[in-house]
Amino acid sequence: MKWFLSLALSFVFLFGVELNTASEKELSQLKGIGATKAKEIVAYRQAHGCFKSLDELLQVKGIGEKTLEKNRANLSLGECKK
C-alpha cells in the first residue's frame, strides 16, 4: 500500500492535476488538500461550473493563498466537461 501512495504522489508531481476533471482522490494527493478539501473542490465545481482560472480555487472553503501557491505548479485547468 505504501508503494501505491508513493506512485500516486509521483504521478501528481510529474503530470499535475487538472482542476476541472480531477476526482476527489486525485485532488487529495495535492499538498495541504485532504479528503475534506478535495470534496469541497468537487462540490464547488459542480455548483459553479468549471474553474476559469487557478485563482478561482481561492473561492473554495478551506483553500487559502498558501495552499494554492504550494500547488500552483502542479495544477492546470484541463478540459471543461459540463
C-alpha atoms as a PDB file:
ATOM      1  CA  MET A   1       0.000   0.000   0.000  1.00  0.00           C
ATOM      2  CA  LYS A   2       2.860   2.348   0.820  1.00  0.00           C
ATOM      3  CA  TRP A   3       4.303   1.938  -2.673  1.00  0.00           C
ATOM      4  CA  PHE A   4       0.916   2.778  -4.196  1.00  0.00           C
ATOM      5  CA  LEU A   5       0.735   6.065  -2.308  1.00  0.00           C
ATOM      6  CA  SER A   6       4.262   6.867  -3.393  1.00  0.00           C
ATOM      7  CA  LEU A   7       3.373   6.075  -7.006  1.00  0.00           C
ATOM      8  CA  ALA A   8       0.244   8.246  -6.827  1.00  0.00           C
ATOM      9  CA  LEU A   9       2.213  11.186  -5.425  1.00  0.00           C
ATOM     10  CA  SER A  10       4.834  10.771  -8.132  1.00  0.00           C
ATOM     11  CA  PHE A  11       2.104  10.886 -10.768  1.00  0.00           C
ATOM     12  CA  VAL A  12       0.736  14.144  -9.364  1.00  0.00           C
ATOM     13  CA  PHE A  13       4.112  15.836  -9.372  1.00  0.00           C
ATOM     14  CA  LEU A  14       5.128  14.542 -12.798  1.00  0.00           C
ATOM     15  CA  PHE A  15       1.901  15.184 -14.667  1.00  0.00           C
ATOM     16  CA  GLY A  16      -0.044  17.556 -12.449  1.00  0.00           C
ATOM     17  CA  VAL A  17      -3.729  17.646 -11.683  1.00  0.00           C
ATOM     18  CA  GLU A  18      -6.399  19.039 -13.982  1.00  0.00           C
ATOM     19  CA  LEU A  19      -8.653  21.058 -11.709  1.00  0.00           C
ATOM     20  CA  ASN A  20     -11.754  20.747 -13.904  1.00  0.00           C
ATOM     21  CA  THR A  21     -11.640  16.960 -14.275  1.00  0.00           C
ATOM     22  CA  ALA A  22      -9.813  15.608 -11.226  1.00  0.00           C
ATOM     23  CA  SER A  23     -11.546  13.229  -8.854  1.00  0.00           C
ATOM     24  CA  GLU A  24     -11.585  13.699  -5.087  1.00  0.00           C
ATOM     25  CA  LYS A  25      -8.887  11.048  -4.824  1.00  0.00           C
ATOM     26  CA  GLU A  26      -6.638  12.854  -7.310  1.00  0.00           C
ATOM     27  CA  LEU A  27      -7.192  16.220  -5.627  1.00  0.00           C
ATOM     28  CA  SER A  28      -6.420  14.791  -2.192  1.00  0.00           C
ATOM     29  CA  GLN A  29      -2.883  13.992  -3.382  1.00  0.00           C
ATOM     30  CA  LEU A  30      -2.050  17.709  -3.557  1.00  0.00           C
ATOM     31  CA  LYS A  31      -0.108  19.417  -0.745  1.00  0.00           C
ATOM     32  CA  GLY A  32      -2.427  20.518   2.053  1.00  0.00           C
ATOM     33  CA  ILE A  33      -5.512  19.014   0.402  1.00  0.00           C
ATOM     34  CA  GLY A  34      -7.075  16.138   2.257  1.00  0.00           C
ATOM     35  CA  ALA A  35     -10.302  14.280   1.659  1.00  0.00           C
ATOM     36  CA  THR A  36     -12.485  17.063   3.078  1.00  0.00           C
ATOM     37  CA  LYS A  37     -10.971  19.868   0.987  1.00  0.00           C
ATOM     38  CA  ALA A  38     -10.986  17.656  -2.105  1.00  0.00           C
ATOM     39  CA  LYS A  39     -14.707  17.079  -1.562  1.00  0.00           C
ATOM     40  CA  GLU A  40     -15.224  20.868  -1.235  1.00  0.00           C
ATOM     41  CA  ILE A  41     -13.393  21.458  -4.538  1.00  0.00           C
ATOM     42  CA  VAL A  42     -15.568  18.948  -6.378  1.00  0.00           C
ATOM     43  CA  ALA A  43     -18.732  20.370  -4.777  1.00  0.00           C
ATOM     44  CA  TYR A  44     -17.730  23.902  -5.798  1.00  0.00           C
ATOM     45  CA  ARG A  45     -17.062  22.729  -9.355  1.00  0.00           C
ATOM     46  CA  GLN A  46     -20.471  21.031  -9.509  1.00  0.00           C
ATOM     47  CA  ALA A  47     -22.267  24.103  -8.142  1.00  0.00           C
ATOM     48  CA  HIS A  48     -20.423  26.796 -10.139  1.00  0.00           C
ATOM     49  CA  GLY A  49     -19.222  25.022 -13.247  1.00  0.00           C
ATOM     50  CA  CYS A  50     -15.665  24.729 -14.454  1.00  0.00           C
ATOM     51  CA  PHE A  51     -12.872  26.768 -12.924  1.00  0.00           C
ATOM     52  CA  LYS A  52     -11.926  29.617 -15.234  1.00  0.00           C
ATOM     53  CA  SER A  53      -8.602  30.312 -13.507  1.00  0.00           C
ATOM     54  CA  LEU A  54      -6.459  28.676 -10.848  1.00  0.00           C
ATOM     55  CA  ASP A  55      -7.090  31.700  -8.624  1.00  0.00           C
ATOM     56  CA  GLU A  56     -10.787  30.796  -8.517  1.00  0.00           C
ATOM     57  CA  LEU A  57      -9.732  27.908  -6.270  1.00  0.00           C
ATOM     58  CA  LEU A  58      -9.490  30.525  -3.501  1.00  0.00           C
ATOM     59  CA  GLN A  59     -13.306  30.682  -3.526  1.00  0.00           C
ATOM     60  CA  VAL A  60     -13.449  27.112  -2.187  1.00  0.00           C
ATOM     61  CA  LYS A  61     -13.985  26.851   1.556  1.00  0.00           C
ATOM     62  CA  GLY A  62     -10.718  25.958   3.274  1.00  0.00           C
ATOM     63  CA  ILE A  63      -8.396  26.878   0.398  1.00  0.00           C
ATOM     64  CA  GLY A  64      -6.129  29.842   1.030  1.00  0.00           C
ATOM     65  CA  GLU A  65      -3.264  31.599  -0.725  1.00  0.00           C
ATOM     66  CA  LYS A  66      -0.593  29.365   0.848  1.00  0.00           C
ATOM     67  CA  THR A  67      -2.282  26.156  -0.250  1.00  0.00           C
ATOM     68  CA  LEU A  68      -2.789  27.484  -3.764  1.00  0.00           C
ATOM     69  CA  GLU A  69       0.829  28.620  -4.068  1.00  0.00           C
ATOM     70  CA  LYS A  70       2.147  25.248  -2.812  1.00  0.00           C
ATOM     71  CA  ASN A  71       0.228  23.549  -5.615  1.00  0.00           C
ATOM     72  CA  ARG A  72       0.126  26.100  -8.433  1.00  0.00           C
ATOM     73  CA  ALA A  73       2.952  24.443 -10.407  1.00  0.00           C
ATOM     74  CA  ASN A  74       1.125  21.093 -10.259  1.00  0.00           C
ATOM     75  CA  LEU A  75      -2.290  22.400 -11.321  1.00  0.00           C
ATOM     76  CA  SER A  76      -3.843  23.079 -14.680  1.00  0.00           C
ATOM     77  CA  LEU A  77      -7.417  23.824 -15.660  1.00  0.00           C
ATOM     78  CA  GLY A  78      -7.744  20.978 -18.122  1.00  0.00           C
ATOM     79  CA  GLU A  79     -10.741  20.405 -20.324  1.00  0.00           C
ATOM     80  CA  CYS A  80     -14.080  21.669 -19.115  1.00  0.00           C
ATOM     81  CA  LYS A  81     -16.628  18.852 -19.074  1.00  0.00           C
ATOM     82  CA  LYS A  82     -20.051  20.260 -18.299  1.00  0.00           C
END
